[in-house]
Amino acid sequence: MICTGVRVSVNMLSDPKGTPLMFVVRQKKAVLSFQVPLTLRGLYQRNYQYKDVARTLCQPPKRAENETQYIYVDVSTLSEKNATYRLSVTHLQNFVLLTEERFSFNATPSQPQYFKYMFKEGLDSVIVQVSSPMAFPCSVISIQDIQCPVYDLDNNVAFIGMYQTMTKKAAITVQVTCLSCLPVSSCSHRNIE
């Protein structure tokens, strides 16, 4: 079975002048919403505005291998002027992590990443190792069960499962009973071993 993730990306091309766009992505058994520009609070309570936002959609289970799953994207704003943006929906080819294989990816606070891992038969635990060439900004690695919603933003990643903050390196030992989804947020370039 080939398992790919689906990612929705938005790039705001016009200046919203204080009126954000609201994106609501609807699936059969999940709803994801975010605004662009996305405002996240950072160091010293400073607000950071991001015009490029990307989120990976939750993967609800399929009843049949050939079942088609539809998504709907609703866009709204209270702005009196037209807003220009670029919306793309793409398949993630490296969505499923493999045991003993290194994997590189990029993530930012407004473009967190998460991946799926399925234990091989006979394994009862794995060590998830993440490394970065950069010490700043701080990142969060989270281990969550496969279920919707996935908490992948820096302000909600600690709500469920277990998590580890990191600068250049981190590792989490995971038992077979708890791993399936690995969100990583607030980082620039990470390697998973």
N, C-alpha and C. Protein backbone atom coordinates (compact mmCIF):
# COMPACT_ATOMS: atom_id res chain seq x y z
N MET A 1 0.84 -1.18 0.00
CA MET A 1 0.00 0.00 0.00
C MET A 1 0.89 1.24 0.00
N ILE A 2 0.68 2.14 -0.95
CA ILE A 2 1.42 3.39 -1.01
C ILE A 2 0.61 4.43 -0.25
N CYS A 3 1.25 5.08 0.71
CA CYS A 3 0.58 6.07 1.53
C CYS A 3 1.25 7.42 1.31
N THR A 4 0.50 8.38 0.82
CA THR A 4 1.05 9.72 0.64
C THR A 4 0.22 10.69 1.45
N GLY A 5 0.86 11.74 1.88
CA GLY A 5 0.14 12.80 2.57
C GLY A 5 -0.33 13.83 1.56
N VAL A 6 -1.22 14.69 1.99
CA VAL A 6 -1.72 15.78 1.15
C VAL A 6 -1.44 17.08 1.89
N ARG A 7 -0.85 18.03 1.17
CA ARG A 7 -0.45 19.30 1.78
C ARG A 7 -1.13 20.46 1.07
N VAL A 8 -1.68 21.38 1.85
CA VAL A 8 -2.29 22.59 1.32
C VAL A 8 -1.35 23.75 1.63
N SER A 9 -0.98 24.51 0.59
CA SER A 9 -0.07 25.65 0.76
C SER A 9 -0.73 26.91 0.24
N VAL A 10 -0.54 28.01 0.97
CA VAL A 10 -1.08 29.30 0.56
C VAL A 10 0.03 30.33 0.63
N ASN A 11 0.14 31.13 -0.43
CA ASN A 11 1.09 32.24 -0.48
C ASN A 11 0.28 33.50 -0.72
N MET A 12 0.30 34.42 0.24
CA MET A 12 -0.43 35.68 0.12
C MET A 12 0.38 36.63 -0.75
N LEU A 13 -0.18 37.05 -1.87
CA LEU A 13 0.53 37.90 -2.82
C LEU A 13 0.22 39.38 -2.65
N SER A 14 -0.92 39.70 -2.05
CA SER A 14 -1.27 41.11 -1.84
C SER A 14 -1.13 41.46 -0.37
N ASP A 15 -1.12 42.74 -0.07
CA ASP A 15 -1.02 43.20 1.31
C ASP A 15 -2.43 43.26 1.90
N PRO A 16 -2.71 42.46 2.94
CA PRO A 16 -4.08 42.39 3.47
C PRO A 16 -4.48 43.61 4.30
N LYS A 17 -3.54 44.47 4.68
CA LYS A 17 -3.82 45.69 5.46
C LYS A 17 -4.68 45.40 6.69
N GLY A 18 -4.26 44.40 7.48
CA GLY A 18 -4.94 44.11 8.74
C GLY A 18 -6.15 43.21 8.64
N THR A 19 -6.53 42.80 7.44
CA THR A 19 -7.68 41.91 7.28
C THR A 19 -7.21 40.59 6.69
N PRO A 20 -7.09 39.55 7.51
CA PRO A 20 -6.57 38.28 7.00
C PRO A 20 -7.59 37.52 6.16
N LEU A 21 -7.08 36.56 5.41
CA LEU A 21 -7.93 35.60 4.71
C LEU A 21 -8.08 34.39 5.61
N MET A 22 -9.27 33.81 5.65
CA MET A 22 -9.50 32.59 6.43
C MET A 22 -9.70 31.44 5.46
N PHE A 23 -8.89 30.38 5.64
CA PHE A 23 -8.98 29.18 4.82
C PHE A 23 -9.53 28.05 5.68
N VAL A 24 -10.57 27.40 5.20
CA VAL A 24 -11.15 26.24 5.89
C VAL A 24 -11.08 25.07 4.91
N VAL A 25 -10.34 24.04 5.30
CA VAL A 25 -10.17 22.85 4.45
C VAL A 25 -11.03 21.75 5.05
N ARG A 26 -12.02 21.31 4.28
CA ARG A 26 -12.96 20.29 4.77
C ARG A 26 -12.68 18.96 4.10
N GLN A 27 -12.63 17.92 4.92
CA GLN A 27 -12.50 16.54 4.45
C GLN A 27 -13.69 15.76 4.99
N LYS A 28 -13.74 14.48 4.63
CA LYS A 28 -14.86 13.65 5.06
C LYS A 28 -14.99 13.59 6.58
N LYS A 29 -13.86 13.42 7.29
CA LYS A 29 -13.92 13.29 8.74
C LYS A 29 -12.99 14.25 9.47
N ALA A 30 -12.62 15.35 8.83
CA ALA A 30 -11.72 16.31 9.47
C ALA A 30 -11.91 17.69 8.87
N VAL A 31 -11.64 18.71 9.69
CA VAL A 31 -11.68 20.10 9.24
C VAL A 31 -10.41 20.78 9.77
N LEU A 32 -9.74 21.52 8.90
CA LEU A 32 -8.54 22.27 9.27
C LEU A 32 -8.77 23.71 8.85
N SER A 33 -8.48 24.65 9.74
CA SER A 33 -8.63 26.06 9.38
C SER A 33 -7.38 26.82 9.79
N PHE A 34 -7.07 27.86 9.02
CA PHE A 34 -5.95 28.73 9.34
C PHE A 34 -6.15 30.06 8.63
N GLN A 35 -5.51 31.09 9.16
CA GLN A 35 -5.60 32.40 8.53
C GLN A 35 -4.26 32.76 7.91
N VAL A 36 -4.33 33.60 6.87
CA VAL A 36 -3.13 34.11 6.21
C VAL A 36 -3.31 35.61 6.06
N PRO A 37 -2.40 36.44 6.56
CA PRO A 37 -1.18 36.03 7.22
C PRO A 37 -1.46 35.37 8.57
N LEU A 38 -0.61 34.40 8.90
CA LEU A 38 -0.69 33.69 10.17
C LEU A 38 0.15 34.44 11.18
N THR A 39 -0.44 34.76 12.33
CA THR A 39 0.28 35.48 13.38
C THR A 39 0.65 34.50 14.48
N LEU A 40 1.94 34.37 14.75
CA LEU A 40 2.42 33.51 15.84
C LEU A 40 3.24 34.35 16.80
N ARG A 41 3.12 34.05 18.07
CA ARG A 41 3.84 34.79 19.09
C ARG A 41 5.21 34.16 19.29
N GLY A 42 6.23 35.00 19.36
CA GLY A 42 7.59 34.50 19.49
C GLY A 42 8.29 35.02 20.72
N LEU A 43 9.60 35.14 20.61
CA LEU A 43 10.45 35.58 21.69
C LEU A 43 10.01 36.95 22.21
N TYR A 44 9.98 37.11 23.52
CA TYR A 44 9.60 38.36 24.19
C TYR A 44 8.19 38.81 23.81
N GLN A 45 7.30 37.84 23.56
CA GLN A 45 5.90 38.11 23.22
C GLN A 45 5.73 38.92 21.94
N ARG A 46 6.74 38.89 21.09
CA ARG A 46 6.66 39.59 19.81
C ARG A 46 5.80 38.78 18.84
N ASN A 47 4.96 39.45 18.05
CA ASN A 47 4.14 38.78 17.05
C ASN A 47 4.87 38.73 15.72
N TYR A 48 4.84 37.56 15.08
CA TYR A 48 5.45 37.36 13.77
C TYR A 48 4.34 37.06 12.77
N GLN A 49 4.36 37.73 11.63
CA GLN A 49 3.36 37.54 10.58
C GLN A 49 3.98 36.72 9.45
N TYR A 50 3.27 35.67 9.04
CA TYR A 50 3.74 34.80 7.97
C TYR A 50 2.74 34.83 6.82
N LYS A 51 3.22 35.20 5.62
CA LYS A 51 2.37 35.22 4.43
C LYS A 51 2.39 33.90 3.69
N ASP A 52 3.34 33.02 4.00
CA ASP A 52 3.41 31.69 3.41
C ASP A 52 3.04 30.68 4.48
N VAL A 53 1.94 29.97 4.27
CA VAL A 53 1.44 29.00 5.24
C VAL A 53 1.19 27.68 4.52
N ALA A 54 1.62 26.59 5.14
CA ALA A 54 1.38 25.26 4.56
C ALA A 54 1.05 24.30 5.69
N ARG A 55 0.07 23.45 5.46
CA ARG A 55 -0.34 22.46 6.46
C ARG A 55 -0.59 21.12 5.78
N THR A 56 -0.20 20.05 6.45
CA THR A 56 -0.46 18.71 5.97
C THR A 56 -1.81 18.28 6.51
N LEU A 57 -2.64 17.72 5.65
CA LEU A 57 -3.99 17.33 6.06
C LEU A 57 -3.96 16.03 6.85
N CYS A 58 -4.88 15.92 7.76
CA CYS A 58 -5.06 14.71 8.54
C CYS A 58 -5.45 13.58 7.58
N GLN A 59 -4.98 12.38 7.86
CA GLN A 59 -5.23 11.24 6.98
C GLN A 59 -6.29 10.32 7.59
N PRO A 60 -7.58 10.55 7.32
CA PRO A 60 -8.59 9.65 7.86
C PRO A 60 -8.48 8.28 7.21
N PRO A 61 -8.80 7.22 7.94
CA PRO A 61 -8.69 5.88 7.36
C PRO A 61 -9.67 5.68 6.20
N LYS A 62 -9.22 4.92 5.20
CA LYS A 62 -10.07 4.59 4.05
C LYS A 62 -10.73 3.25 4.30
N ARG A 63 -11.96 3.11 3.81
CA ARG A 63 -12.64 1.82 3.90
C ARG A 63 -12.13 0.87 2.83
N ALA A 64 -11.80 1.41 1.66
CA ALA A 64 -11.31 0.59 0.55
C ALA A 64 -10.11 1.28 -0.08
N GLU A 65 -9.20 0.51 -0.64
CA GLU A 65 -7.98 1.05 -1.24
C GLU A 65 -8.29 2.03 -2.38
N ASN A 66 -9.34 1.77 -3.14
CA ASN A 66 -9.66 2.62 -4.29
C ASN A 66 -10.67 3.73 -3.95
N GLU A 67 -10.96 3.93 -2.67
CA GLU A 67 -11.90 4.97 -2.27
C GLU A 67 -11.32 6.35 -2.57
N THR A 68 -12.10 7.20 -3.22
CA THR A 68 -11.68 8.56 -3.52
C THR A 68 -12.06 9.46 -2.35
N GLN A 69 -11.10 10.27 -1.91
CA GLN A 69 -11.39 11.20 -0.83
C GLN A 69 -11.31 12.62 -1.39
N TYR A 70 -12.34 13.39 -1.14
CA TYR A 70 -12.43 14.75 -1.65
C TYR A 70 -12.08 15.74 -0.55
N ILE A 71 -11.53 16.88 -0.95
CA ILE A 71 -11.34 17.99 -0.02
C ILE A 71 -11.98 19.23 -0.63
N TYR A 72 -12.45 20.09 0.24
CA TYR A 72 -13.06 21.35 -0.17
C TYR A 72 -12.34 22.47 0.57
N VAL A 73 -12.00 23.53 -0.14
CA VAL A 73 -11.32 24.67 0.47
C VAL A 73 -12.23 25.88 0.36
N ASP A 74 -12.61 26.43 1.50
CA ASP A 74 -13.43 27.64 1.55
C ASP A 74 -12.51 28.80 1.93
N VAL A 75 -12.64 29.92 1.23
CA VAL A 75 -11.82 31.10 1.49
C VAL A 75 -12.75 32.27 1.78
N SER A 76 -12.47 32.98 2.87
CA SER A 76 -13.31 34.14 3.21
C SER A 76 -12.45 35.25 3.79
N THR A 77 -12.97 36.47 3.73
CA THR A 77 -12.30 37.63 4.32
C THR A 77 -13.34 38.72 4.56
N LEU A 78 -13.03 39.62 5.45
CA LEU A 78 -13.88 40.79 5.68
C LEU A 78 -13.31 42.02 4.97
N SER A 79 -12.27 41.83 4.18
CA SER A 79 -11.64 42.93 3.47
C SER A 79 -12.60 43.49 2.42
N GLU A 80 -12.58 44.80 2.26
CA GLU A 80 -13.39 45.43 1.23
C GLU A 80 -12.69 45.41 -0.12
N LYS A 81 -11.40 45.08 -0.13
CA LYS A 81 -10.63 45.02 -1.38
C LYS A 81 -10.34 43.57 -1.74
N ASN A 82 -10.14 43.33 -3.03
CA ASN A 82 -9.78 41.99 -3.48
C ASN A 82 -8.42 41.59 -2.91
N ALA A 83 -8.29 40.33 -2.57
CA ALA A 83 -7.02 39.80 -2.08
C ALA A 83 -6.48 38.83 -3.13
N THR A 84 -5.17 38.85 -3.31
CA THR A 84 -4.53 37.96 -4.27
C THR A 84 -3.69 36.95 -3.51
N TYR A 85 -3.88 35.67 -3.84
CA TYR A 85 -3.14 34.61 -3.17
C TYR A 85 -2.94 33.45 -4.13
N ARG A 86 -1.99 32.59 -3.80
CA ARG A 86 -1.74 31.37 -4.57
C ARG A 86 -2.03 30.19 -3.66
N LEU A 87 -2.91 29.31 -4.09
CA LEU A 87 -3.29 28.12 -3.33
C LEU A 87 -2.85 26.89 -4.10
N SER A 88 -2.18 25.96 -3.42
CA SER A 88 -1.81 24.71 -4.09
C SER A 88 -2.07 23.54 -3.15
N VAL A 89 -2.45 22.43 -3.75
CA VAL A 89 -2.67 21.17 -3.02
C VAL A 89 -1.77 20.14 -3.68
N THR A 90 -0.88 19.52 -2.88
CA THR A 90 0.09 18.58 -3.44
C THR A 90 0.14 17.29 -2.63
N HIS A 91 0.57 16.22 -3.30
CA HIS A 91 0.82 14.95 -2.62
C HIS A 91 2.25 14.96 -2.09
N LEU A 92 2.43 14.47 -0.87
CA LEU A 92 3.77 14.33 -0.28
C LEU A 92 4.25 12.91 -0.54
N GLN A 93 5.31 12.77 -1.29
CA GLN A 93 5.80 11.45 -1.64
C GLN A 93 6.56 10.78 -0.50
N ASN A 94 7.16 11.54 0.40
CA ASN A 94 7.92 10.98 1.52
C ASN A 94 7.16 11.11 2.82
N PHE A 95 5.88 10.79 2.81
CA PHE A 95 5.04 10.95 3.99
C PHE A 95 5.28 9.85 5.03
N VAL A 96 5.62 8.65 4.58
CA VAL A 96 5.83 7.52 5.49
C VAL A 96 7.33 7.34 5.73
N LEU A 97 7.72 7.40 7.01
CA LEU A 97 9.12 7.20 7.37
C LEU A 97 9.45 5.72 7.37
N LEU A 98 10.69 5.39 7.01
CA LEU A 98 11.14 4.01 6.98
C LEU A 98 12.20 3.79 8.05
N THR A 99 12.20 2.61 8.64
CA THR A 99 13.17 2.26 9.67
C THR A 99 14.57 2.25 9.09
N GLU A 100 15.52 2.83 9.83
CA GLU A 100 16.94 2.86 9.46
C GLU A 100 17.25 3.69 8.21
N GLU A 101 16.33 4.54 7.77
CA GLU A 101 16.59 5.39 6.60
C GLU A 101 16.54 6.85 7.00
N ARG A 102 17.61 7.58 6.67
CA ARG A 102 17.66 9.02 6.94
C ARG A 102 16.69 9.74 6.00
N PHE A 103 16.19 10.86 6.47
CA PHE A 103 15.22 11.62 5.70
C PHE A 103 15.43 13.10 6.02
N SER A 104 15.50 13.96 5.02
CA SER A 104 15.68 15.40 5.23
C SER A 104 14.42 16.15 4.83
N PHE A 105 14.13 17.21 5.55
CA PHE A 105 12.96 18.03 5.25
C PHE A 105 13.16 19.43 5.81
N ASN A 106 12.34 20.36 5.39
CA ASN A 106 12.34 21.73 5.90
C ASN A 106 11.01 22.02 6.56
N ALA A 107 11.04 22.79 7.63
CA ALA A 107 9.82 23.22 8.31
C ALA A 107 10.06 24.61 8.87
N THR A 108 9.00 25.38 9.01
CA THR A 108 9.06 26.70 9.62
C THR A 108 7.89 26.80 10.59
N PRO A 109 7.83 27.85 11.41
CA PRO A 109 6.68 27.97 12.31
C PRO A 109 5.34 27.99 11.58
N SER A 110 5.29 28.56 10.38
CA SER A 110 4.03 28.62 9.64
C SER A 110 3.87 27.46 8.65
N GLN A 111 4.89 26.62 8.55
CA GLN A 111 4.84 25.47 7.64
C GLN A 111 5.37 24.23 8.35
N PRO A 112 4.68 23.81 9.43
CA PRO A 112 5.15 22.62 10.15
C PRO A 112 5.01 21.37 9.28
N GLN A 113 5.73 20.34 9.64
CA GLN A 113 5.68 19.08 8.89
C GLN A 113 5.33 17.96 9.86
N TYR A 114 4.61 16.97 9.38
CA TYR A 114 4.49 15.73 10.14
C TYR A 114 4.50 14.56 9.19
N PHE A 115 4.88 13.40 9.74
CA PHE A 115 5.08 12.20 8.95
C PHE A 115 4.47 11.02 9.66
N LYS A 116 4.29 9.95 8.92
CA LYS A 116 3.69 8.74 9.47
C LYS A 116 4.77 7.67 9.58
N TYR A 117 4.71 6.89 10.65
CA TYR A 117 5.61 5.75 10.82
C TYR A 117 4.79 4.55 11.25
N MET A 118 5.03 3.42 10.62
CA MET A 118 4.36 2.18 11.01
C MET A 118 5.43 1.17 11.39
N PHE A 119 5.28 0.59 12.58
CA PHE A 119 6.26 -0.38 13.06
C PHE A 119 6.30 -1.61 12.17
N LYS A 120 7.52 -2.08 11.90
CA LYS A 120 7.68 -3.36 11.21
C LYS A 120 7.33 -4.48 12.18
N GLU A 121 6.88 -5.57 11.63
CA GLU A 121 6.56 -6.72 12.47
C GLU A 121 7.81 -7.17 13.22
N GLY A 122 7.68 -7.43 14.51
CA GLY A 122 8.81 -7.87 15.32
C GLY A 122 9.49 -6.74 16.09
N LEU A 123 9.28 -5.49 15.70
CA LEU A 123 9.85 -4.36 16.43
C LEU A 123 8.90 -3.94 17.55
N ASP A 124 9.45 -3.68 18.74
CA ASP A 124 8.59 -3.20 19.81
C ASP A 124 8.94 -1.78 20.24
N SER A 125 10.07 -1.24 19.74
CA SER A 125 10.41 0.15 20.02
C SER A 125 11.40 0.66 18.97
N VAL A 126 11.42 1.98 18.81
CA VAL A 126 12.38 2.65 17.92
C VAL A 126 12.87 3.91 18.61
N ILE A 127 14.02 4.39 18.18
CA ILE A 127 14.52 5.69 18.64
C ILE A 127 14.41 6.65 17.46
N VAL A 128 13.63 7.70 17.64
CA VAL A 128 13.50 8.73 16.61
C VAL A 128 14.54 9.79 16.92
N GLN A 129 15.47 10.00 15.99
CA GLN A 129 16.53 10.99 16.16
C GLN A 129 16.34 12.09 15.12
N VAL A 130 16.44 13.33 15.58
CA VAL A 130 16.30 14.48 14.69
C VAL A 130 17.51 15.38 14.91
N SER A 131 18.10 15.85 13.81
CA SER A 131 19.25 16.75 13.92
C SER A 131 19.07 17.93 12.97
N SER A 132 19.74 19.03 13.32
CA SER A 132 19.67 20.24 12.52
C SER A 132 21.05 20.89 12.47
N PRO A 133 21.43 21.47 11.34
CA PRO A 133 22.71 22.18 11.29
C PRO A 133 22.65 23.53 12.02
N MET A 134 21.43 24.00 12.32
CA MET A 134 21.26 25.31 12.95
C MET A 134 20.76 25.15 14.39
N ALA A 135 21.28 25.96 15.30
CA ALA A 135 20.83 25.92 16.69
C ALA A 135 19.63 26.82 16.94
N PHE A 136 19.38 27.76 16.04
CA PHE A 136 18.26 28.67 16.21
C PHE A 136 17.41 28.62 14.96
N PRO A 137 16.13 28.57 15.01
CA PRO A 137 15.30 28.66 16.20
C PRO A 137 15.11 27.30 16.87
N CYS A 138 14.61 27.33 18.07
CA CYS A 138 14.29 26.12 18.81
C CYS A 138 13.17 25.38 18.07
N SER A 139 13.16 24.06 18.16
CA SER A 139 12.15 23.25 17.48
C SER A 139 11.48 22.32 18.48
N VAL A 140 10.36 21.74 18.05
CA VAL A 140 9.63 20.79 18.87
C VAL A 140 9.37 19.54 18.03
N ILE A 141 9.69 18.38 18.60
CA ILE A 141 9.37 17.09 17.98
C ILE A 141 8.29 16.47 18.84
N SER A 142 7.24 15.96 18.21
CA SER A 142 6.12 15.40 18.95
C SER A 142 5.78 14.03 18.39
N ILE A 143 5.46 13.09 19.28
CA ILE A 143 5.01 11.76 18.89
C ILE A 143 3.53 11.66 19.26
N GLN A 144 2.69 11.39 18.26
CA GLN A 144 1.25 11.31 18.48
C GLN A 144 0.70 10.06 17.82
N ASP A 145 -0.42 9.60 18.32
CA ASP A 145 -1.10 8.47 17.71
C ASP A 145 -1.78 8.93 16.42
N ILE A 146 -2.10 7.98 15.53
CA ILE A 146 -2.79 8.33 14.29
C ILE A 146 -4.24 8.63 14.61
N GLN A 147 -4.56 9.90 14.62
CA GLN A 147 -5.94 10.34 14.81
C GLN A 147 -6.03 11.80 14.43
N CYS A 148 -7.21 12.23 14.11
CA CYS A 148 -7.44 13.63 13.78
C CYS A 148 -8.02 14.32 15.01
N PRO A 149 -7.65 15.54 15.30
CA PRO A 149 -6.69 16.37 14.58
C PRO A 149 -5.25 16.06 14.98
N VAL A 150 -4.32 16.48 14.14
CA VAL A 150 -2.90 16.39 14.45
C VAL A 150 -2.50 17.76 14.99
N TYR A 151 -1.87 17.78 16.15
CA TYR A 151 -1.43 19.03 16.76
C TYR A 151 0.00 19.30 16.31
N ASP A 152 0.16 20.20 15.33
CA ASP A 152 1.47 20.42 14.72
C ASP A 152 1.98 21.85 14.80
N LEU A 153 1.26 22.74 15.44
CA LEU A 153 1.74 24.11 15.59
C LEU A 153 2.44 24.28 16.93
N ASP A 154 3.32 25.26 17.02
CA ASP A 154 4.09 25.44 18.26
C ASP A 154 3.21 25.76 19.46
N ASN A 155 2.01 26.29 19.25
CA ASN A 155 1.14 26.62 20.38
C ASN A 155 0.19 25.49 20.78
N ASN A 156 0.22 24.34 20.08
CA ASN A 156 -0.67 23.24 20.47
C ASN A 156 0.00 21.87 20.44
N VAL A 157 1.27 21.80 20.09
CA VAL A 157 1.95 20.51 19.90
C VAL A 157 2.04 19.71 21.20
N ALA A 158 1.97 20.35 22.36
CA ALA A 158 2.10 19.66 23.64
C ALA A 158 0.77 19.12 24.16
N PHE A 159 -0.32 19.29 23.42
CA PHE A 159 -1.63 18.89 23.93
C PHE A 159 -1.82 17.38 24.03
N ILE A 160 -1.11 16.60 23.24
CA ILE A 160 -1.36 15.16 23.20
C ILE A 160 -0.04 14.44 22.88
N GLY A 161 0.09 13.21 23.35
CA GLY A 161 1.29 12.43 23.06
C GLY A 161 2.47 12.88 23.90
N MET A 162 3.68 12.70 23.35
CA MET A 162 4.88 13.17 24.05
C MET A 162 5.67 14.05 23.10
N TYR A 163 6.45 14.96 23.69
CA TYR A 163 7.19 15.89 22.85
C TYR A 163 8.55 16.20 23.45
N GLN A 164 9.43 16.72 22.62
CA GLN A 164 10.80 17.07 23.01
C GLN A 164 11.16 18.37 22.31
N THR A 165 11.66 19.35 23.06
CA THR A 165 12.19 20.55 22.42
C THR A 165 13.64 20.29 22.04
N MET A 166 14.13 21.03 21.05
CA MET A 166 15.50 20.80 20.60
C MET A 166 16.08 22.05 19.97
N THR A 167 17.41 22.09 19.93
CA THR A 167 18.11 23.08 19.12
C THR A 167 18.79 22.34 17.97
N LYS A 168 19.89 21.61 18.25
CA LYS A 168 20.60 20.91 17.17
C LYS A 168 20.33 19.41 17.10
N LYS A 169 20.02 18.75 18.24
CA LYS A 169 19.77 17.31 18.22
C LYS A 169 18.73 16.94 19.26
N ALA A 170 17.95 15.90 18.94
CA ALA A 170 16.98 15.37 19.89
C ALA A 170 16.72 13.91 19.55
N ALA A 171 16.29 13.16 20.55
CA ALA A 171 15.93 11.76 20.34
C ALA A 171 14.80 11.39 21.30
N ILE A 172 13.88 10.57 20.82
CA ILE A 172 12.78 10.08 21.64
C ILE A 172 12.67 8.58 21.40
N THR A 173 12.64 7.79 22.48
CA THR A 173 12.39 6.36 22.36
C THR A 173 10.89 6.15 22.38
N VAL A 174 10.40 5.38 21.41
CA VAL A 174 8.97 5.20 21.25
C VAL A 174 8.63 3.72 21.28
N GLN A 175 7.65 3.37 22.09
CA GLN A 175 7.15 2.00 22.17
C GLN A 175 6.11 1.78 21.08
N VAL A 176 5.91 0.55 20.68
CA VAL A 176 4.99 0.21 19.59
C VAL A 176 3.57 0.70 19.86
N THR A 177 3.19 0.88 21.10
CA THR A 177 1.82 1.27 21.42
C THR A 177 1.51 2.73 21.15
N CYS A 178 2.53 3.59 20.91
CA CYS A 178 2.19 5.01 20.85
C CYS A 178 2.63 5.75 19.60
N LEU A 179 3.40 5.17 18.69
CA LEU A 179 3.91 5.96 17.57
C LEU A 179 3.11 5.76 16.31
N SER A 180 2.85 6.84 15.65
CA SER A 180 2.31 6.76 14.31
C SER A 180 2.49 8.07 13.58
N CYS A 181 2.55 9.16 14.30
CA CYS A 181 2.60 10.46 13.65
C CYS A 181 3.69 11.29 14.29
N LEU A 182 4.52 11.93 13.48
CA LEU A 182 5.66 12.67 13.99
C LEU A 182 5.62 14.11 13.50
N PRO A 183 4.94 15.03 14.22
CA PRO A 183 4.97 16.42 13.81
C PRO A 183 6.26 17.11 14.25
N VAL A 184 6.76 17.98 13.43
CA VAL A 184 7.91 18.80 13.79
C VAL A 184 7.55 20.22 13.39
N SER A 185 7.69 21.14 14.33
CA SER A 185 7.37 22.53 14.01
C SER A 185 8.51 23.44 14.39
N SER A 186 8.51 24.62 13.83
CA SER A 186 9.44 25.70 14.14
C SER A 186 10.89 25.37 13.84
N CYS A 187 11.17 24.73 12.73
CA CYS A 187 12.56 24.47 12.39
C CYS A 187 12.79 24.76 10.92
N SER A 188 14.05 24.83 10.54
CA SER A 188 14.35 25.20 9.17
C SER A 188 14.76 24.00 8.32
N HIS A 189 15.67 23.18 8.79
CA HIS A 189 16.10 22.02 8.01
C HIS A 189 16.45 20.91 9.00
N ARG A 190 15.79 19.80 8.92
CA ARG A 190 15.98 18.74 9.90
C ARG A 190 16.25 17.42 9.19
N ASN A 191 17.01 16.57 9.86
CA ASN A 191 17.26 15.21 9.38
C ASN A 191 16.68 14.25 10.39
N ILE A 192 15.95 13.26 9.93
CA ILE A 192 15.43 12.22 10.81
C ILE A 192 16.19 10.95 10.51
N GLU A 193 16.69 10.29 11.55
CA GLU A 193 17.40 9.03 11.38
C GLU A 193 16.57 7.90 11.94
